[in-house]
Amino acid sequence: LMEQPRIFAALTGGSGRTSVDLAALESLLVRFSRLVLAHPRIREIDLNPLLASAAGLLALDARVVLHDPAVPDATLPRPAIRPYPDALVSPWTMRDGTAVTIRPIRPEDEPMMVEFHGTLSDTSVLRRYFVPYDLRERVAHERLARLCFVDYDRELALVAEYREPSTGARDLLGVARLIRTHGRNEATFALVIGDPWQGRGLGRRLLAGLLDHARAEALARVTGFVLAENDRMLPLCRRLGFTRSEEHTSELQ
């Protein structure tokens, strides 16, 4: 979006000029969009002009127009795609006392997803995908871009994010995904936890979060495919209310 206008060449510097703070501009665009989504009664909003320099950004003028109070909430314009589900962001503490944030996945999580896949053993990969899956294929940009940039209307991916207190470095420890079945009021789940973090209650928390979302969306059934020899996943599914079918699927009615 930033690169499309011709003025982007000037923003990046050149001819002896200093580039503006592109990271700050990117952050402003994201926060501006979140402002619009968080306040659906905004009919028009304009920041003009916006002073951009290497030192930062400054809105010199702003204009906000609201919908008439007589307009019912139900008739307000809706976004073309479902906005980021902020309500699903929550702190959580693992059994060993490690504090993490449970939240829906975001497009900018792709670099962390690359690192996350590096923590998976061959056994974890087999239990998640049912076949050997080469690391280079799993972290290919084309694949991860699609998995991180989801349509929240038809798919929800919850991740567990850990932030190192001393350095601020962030890592993903687990991913749980719920995908609606086209044309049917049901969905399929998938779950994988990084090997260093298994056995600490994280899988249960992520899967329970998916099921809470499924109930809130009034889904009739959630199904997951689990290997018969997956001695960790099958007991977890039973504790969360799934039943095991003869085809080795676990399902919640």
Protein backbone atom coordinates (compact mmCIF):
# COMPACT_ATOMS: atom_id res chain seq x y z
CA LEU A 1 0.00 0.00 0.00
CA MET A 2 2.79 2.42 0.89
CA GLU A 3 4.82 1.58 -2.20
CA GLN A 4 2.03 2.16 -4.74
CA PRO A 5 1.86 6.01 -4.77
CA ARG A 6 4.57 7.85 -6.72
CA ILE A 7 5.41 9.88 -3.62
CA PHE A 8 6.92 6.72 -2.07
CA ALA A 9 10.14 7.41 -3.97
CA ALA A 10 10.43 10.74 -2.15
CA LEU A 11 9.59 9.14 1.19
CA THR A 12 12.52 6.75 0.84
CA GLY A 13 14.98 9.62 0.31
CA GLY A 14 17.28 10.17 -2.61
CA SER A 15 19.07 13.20 -4.05
CA GLY A 16 20.74 13.75 -0.71
CA ARG A 17 17.50 13.68 1.28
CA THR A 18 16.90 11.55 4.35
CA SER A 19 14.22 8.86 4.28
CA VAL A 20 11.16 9.42 6.46
CA ASP A 21 10.44 7.02 9.31
CA LEU A 22 8.78 4.31 7.21
CA ALA A 23 8.25 2.04 10.23
CA ALA A 24 6.31 4.81 11.96
CA LEU A 25 4.26 5.42 8.81
CA GLU A 26 3.46 1.72 8.56
CA SER A 27 2.41 1.68 12.22
CA LEU A 28 0.21 4.73 11.70
CA LEU A 29 -1.64 3.10 8.79
CA VAL A 30 -2.28 -0.05 10.83
CA ARG A 31 -3.45 1.89 13.88
CA PHE A 32 -5.62 4.14 11.70
CA SER A 33 -7.39 1.11 10.25
CA ARG A 34 -7.90 -0.35 13.72
CA LEU A 35 -9.41 2.96 14.86
CA VAL A 36 -11.96 2.84 12.04
CA LEU A 37 -12.85 -0.79 12.77
CA ALA A 38 -13.17 -0.19 16.51
CA HIS A 39 -15.62 2.71 16.01
CA PRO A 40 -18.19 1.73 13.37
CA ARG A 41 -20.16 4.97 13.89
CA ILE A 42 -17.38 6.89 12.12
CA ARG A 43 -18.76 7.84 8.70
CA GLU A 44 -15.75 9.79 7.44
CA ILE A 45 -12.27 10.42 8.81
CA ASP A 46 -9.46 12.41 7.29
CA LEU A 47 -5.90 13.21 8.39
CA ASN A 48 -4.65 15.92 6.06
CA PRO A 49 -1.95 17.04 5.85
CA LEU A 50 0.36 14.56 7.53
CA LEU A 51 3.90 15.81 8.08
CA ALA A 52 6.38 12.96 7.57
CA SER A 53 10.08 13.22 8.28
CA ALA A 54 12.97 11.20 9.61
CA ALA A 55 12.09 12.51 13.08
CA GLY A 56 8.56 11.09 12.99
CA LEU A 57 5.00 11.86 11.89
CA LEU A 58 2.67 14.72 12.82
CA ALA A 59 -0.97 15.16 11.77
CA LEU A 60 -1.44 18.87 11.18
CA ASP A 61 -5.19 18.66 10.74
CA ALA A 62 -7.90 16.03 11.31
CA ARG A 63 -11.60 15.74 10.53
CA VAL A 64 -14.05 13.10 11.82
CA VAL A 65 -17.72 12.84 10.79
CA LEU A 66 -20.05 10.44 12.61
CA HIS A 67 -23.18 8.71 11.40
CA ASP A 68 -26.43 10.34 12.50
CA PRO A 69 -27.51 9.09 15.96
CA ALA A 70 -30.79 7.97 14.42
CA VAL A 71 -28.99 5.39 12.27
CA PRO A 72 -29.40 1.96 13.98
CA ASP A 73 -26.21 0.04 14.75
CA ALA A 74 -27.48 -2.92 12.72
CA THR A 75 -27.55 -0.85 9.53
CA LEU A 76 -24.05 0.64 9.84
CA PRO A 77 -21.62 -0.31 7.06
CA ARG A 78 -19.66 -3.46 7.77
CA PRO A 79 -16.07 -4.17 6.66
CA ALA A 80 -15.59 -6.39 3.64
CA ILE A 81 -13.52 -8.80 5.75
CA ARG A 82 -13.87 -9.58 9.44
CA PRO A 83 -11.54 -7.39 11.54
CA TYR A 84 -8.87 -8.76 13.83
CA PRO A 85 -10.65 -10.43 16.80
CA ASP A 86 -9.09 -8.42 19.63
CA ALA A 87 -11.52 -9.95 22.13
CA LEU A 88 -9.66 -13.27 21.81
CA VAL A 89 -6.34 -11.81 23.02
CA SER A 90 -5.61 -12.82 26.63
CA PRO A 91 -2.66 -13.49 28.94
CA TRP A 92 -2.11 -17.00 30.24
CA THR A 93 0.43 -18.77 32.44
CA MET A 94 1.72 -22.27 31.73
CA ARG A 95 2.15 -24.92 34.42
CA ASP A 96 5.80 -24.01 34.90
CA GLY A 97 4.97 -20.34 35.47
CA THR A 98 5.90 -19.12 31.97
CA ALA A 99 3.67 -16.21 30.97
CA VAL A 100 2.41 -16.15 27.38
CA THR A 101 -0.17 -14.28 25.33
CA ILE A 102 -2.88 -16.27 23.57
CA ARG A 103 -4.08 -14.39 20.49
CA PRO A 104 -5.26 -14.82 16.90
CA ILE A 105 -2.52 -15.01 14.31
CA ARG A 106 -1.49 -11.90 12.35
CA PRO A 107 0.13 -11.52 8.90
CA GLU A 108 3.29 -10.10 10.49
CA ASP A 109 3.79 -13.37 12.42
CA GLU A 110 5.40 -15.03 9.39
CA PRO A 111 9.04 -14.61 10.56
CA MET A 112 8.15 -16.09 13.95
CA MET A 113 6.36 -18.97 12.22
CA VAL A 114 9.61 -19.78 10.42
CA GLU A 115 11.42 -19.98 13.75
CA PHE A 116 8.58 -21.98 15.29
CA HIS A 117 8.75 -24.69 12.63
CA GLY A 118 12.43 -25.07 13.43
CA THR A 119 11.46 -26.23 16.94
CA LEU A 120 9.38 -29.17 15.68
CA SER A 121 10.84 -32.66 15.77
CA ASP A 122 10.14 -35.25 13.08
CA THR A 123 7.66 -36.89 15.47
CA SER A 124 5.74 -33.65 16.01
CA VAL A 125 5.65 -32.99 12.27
CA LEU A 126 4.35 -36.50 11.57
CA ARG A 127 1.65 -36.19 14.22
CA ARG A 128 0.53 -32.85 12.81
CA TYR A 129 0.68 -33.58 9.06
CA PHE A 130 0.56 -37.42 9.04
CA VAL A 131 3.45 -37.57 6.56
CA PRO A 132 7.09 -36.42 6.62
CA TYR A 133 7.14 -32.73 5.66
CA ASP A 134 10.43 -31.05 4.81
CA LEU A 135 11.24 -27.90 6.80
CA ARG A 136 12.00 -25.87 3.66
CA GLU A 137 8.56 -26.63 2.30
CA ARG A 138 6.84 -25.84 5.59
CA VAL A 139 8.46 -22.40 5.87
CA ALA A 140 8.10 -21.40 2.21
CA HIS A 141 6.87 -17.81 1.98
CA GLU A 142 3.94 -18.71 -0.28
CA ARG A 143 2.67 -21.20 2.29
CA LEU A 144 3.22 -19.15 5.44
CA ALA A 145 1.78 -15.98 3.91
CA ARG A 146 -1.46 -17.86 3.32
CA LEU A 147 -1.48 -19.39 6.83
CA CYS A 148 -0.74 -16.10 8.60
CA PHE A 149 -3.07 -13.88 6.57
CA VAL A 150 -6.42 -15.56 7.22
CA ASP A 151 -10.05 -14.65 6.71
CA TYR A 152 -11.31 -14.63 10.31
CA ASP A 153 -14.84 -15.38 9.04
CA ARG A 154 -13.87 -18.85 7.87
CA GLU A 155 -10.69 -19.61 9.79
CA LEU A 156 -9.21 -18.90 13.21
CA ALA A 157 -5.62 -19.62 14.17
CA LEU A 158 -4.70 -19.09 17.82
CA VAL A 159 -1.02 -18.75 18.70
CA ALA A 160 0.83 -18.66 22.00
CA GLU A 161 3.40 -15.85 22.01
CA TYR A 162 6.24 -15.68 24.53
CA ARG A 163 8.23 -12.50 25.10
CA GLU A 164 11.68 -12.83 26.65
CA PRO A 165 11.68 -10.36 29.59
CA SER A 166 15.36 -9.44 29.36
CA THR A 167 15.60 -8.89 25.60
CA GLY A 168 12.01 -8.40 24.44
CA ALA A 169 12.50 -11.11 21.80
CA ARG A 170 9.27 -12.83 20.80
CA ASP A 171 8.63 -16.47 19.94
CA LEU A 172 5.62 -18.56 19.00
CA LEU A 173 5.27 -21.68 21.13
CA GLY A 174 2.17 -23.28 19.61
CA VAL A 175 -0.50 -22.90 16.94
CA ALA A 176 -4.09 -24.14 16.93
CA ARG A 177 -6.27 -23.73 13.85
CA LEU A 178 -10.03 -23.99 13.28
CA ILE A 179 -11.22 -24.09 9.65
CA ARG A 180 -14.88 -23.97 8.70
CA THR A 181 -16.14 -26.64 6.32
CA HIS A 182 -17.52 -25.04 3.16
CA GLY A 183 -21.31 -25.28 2.95
CA ARG A 184 -21.71 -26.90 6.37
CA ASN A 185 -22.07 -25.54 9.90
CA GLU A 186 -18.99 -27.32 11.21
CA ALA A 187 -15.23 -27.01 11.29
CA THR A 188 -11.99 -28.98 11.55
CA PHE A 189 -9.24 -28.29 14.06
CA ALA A 190 -5.48 -28.81 14.00
CA LEU A 191 -2.95 -28.29 16.77
CA VAL A 192 0.84 -28.33 17.10
CA ILE A 193 3.07 -27.31 20.02
CA GLY A 194 6.81 -26.67 19.74
CA ASP A 195 8.78 -29.57 21.23
CA PRO A 196 10.45 -27.51 24.00
CA TRP A 197 7.01 -26.46 25.29
CA GLN A 198 5.06 -29.70 25.19
CA GLY A 199 3.57 -31.17 28.36
CA ARG A 200 2.91 -27.79 30.03
CA GLY A 201 -0.83 -27.44 29.40
CA LEU A 202 -0.46 -25.21 26.36
CA GLY A 203 -2.16 -27.60 23.94
CA ARG A 204 -5.23 -27.86 26.17
CA ARG A 205 -5.45 -24.08 26.49
CA LEU A 206 -5.23 -23.48 22.72
CA LEU A 207 -7.70 -26.21 21.82
CA ALA A 208 -10.13 -25.08 24.52
CA GLY A 209 -9.88 -21.57 23.07
CA LEU A 210 -10.84 -22.90 19.64
CA LEU A 211 -13.83 -24.73 21.08
CA ASP A 212 -15.00 -21.64 22.96
CA HIS A 213 -14.87 -19.75 19.67
CA ALA A 214 -16.74 -22.56 17.90
CA ARG A 215 -19.53 -22.40 20.48
CA ALA A 216 -19.70 -18.61 20.21
CA GLU A 217 -20.06 -19.02 16.43
CA ALA A 218 -22.83 -21.62 17.00
CA LEU A 219 -21.01 -24.34 15.07
CA ALA A 220 -22.78 -27.68 15.22
CA ARG A 221 -19.68 -29.87 15.21
CA VAL A 222 -15.89 -29.71 15.37
CA THR A 223 -13.82 -32.58 14.01
CA GLY A 224 -10.12 -33.34 14.20
CA PHE A 225 -8.05 -36.08 12.61
CA VAL A 226 -5.62 -37.69 15.06
CA LEU A 227 -3.18 -40.56 14.55
CA ALA A 228 -4.14 -43.62 16.58
CA GLU A 229 -0.65 -43.71 18.13
CA ASN A 230 -0.77 -40.05 19.22
CA ASP A 231 -0.93 -40.86 22.94
CA ARG A 232 -0.90 -37.19 23.97
CA MET A 233 -3.55 -35.81 21.68
CA LEU A 234 -6.19 -38.51 22.10
CA PRO A 235 -6.50 -38.16 25.91
CA LEU A 236 -6.60 -34.38 25.53
CA CYS A 237 -9.47 -34.65 23.05
CA ARG A 238 -11.41 -36.94 25.39
CA ARG A 239 -10.99 -34.51 28.30
CA LEU A 240 -12.37 -31.68 26.17
CA GLY A 241 -15.50 -33.61 25.19
CA PHE A 242 -14.55 -35.25 21.90
CA THR A 243 -15.59 -38.77 21.02
CA ARG A 244 -13.46 -41.12 18.94
CA SER A 245 -14.98 -42.68 15.85
CA GLU A 246 -14.00 -45.94 14.19
CA GLU A 247 -12.18 -43.94 11.50
CA HIS A 248 -9.85 -42.54 14.20
CA THR A 249 -11.34 -39.08 14.11
CA SER A 250 -12.14 -37.16 17.23
CA GLU A 251 -15.29 -35.10 17.08
CA LEU A 252 -17.33 -32.80 19.27
CA GLN A 253 -21.07 -32.88 18.68
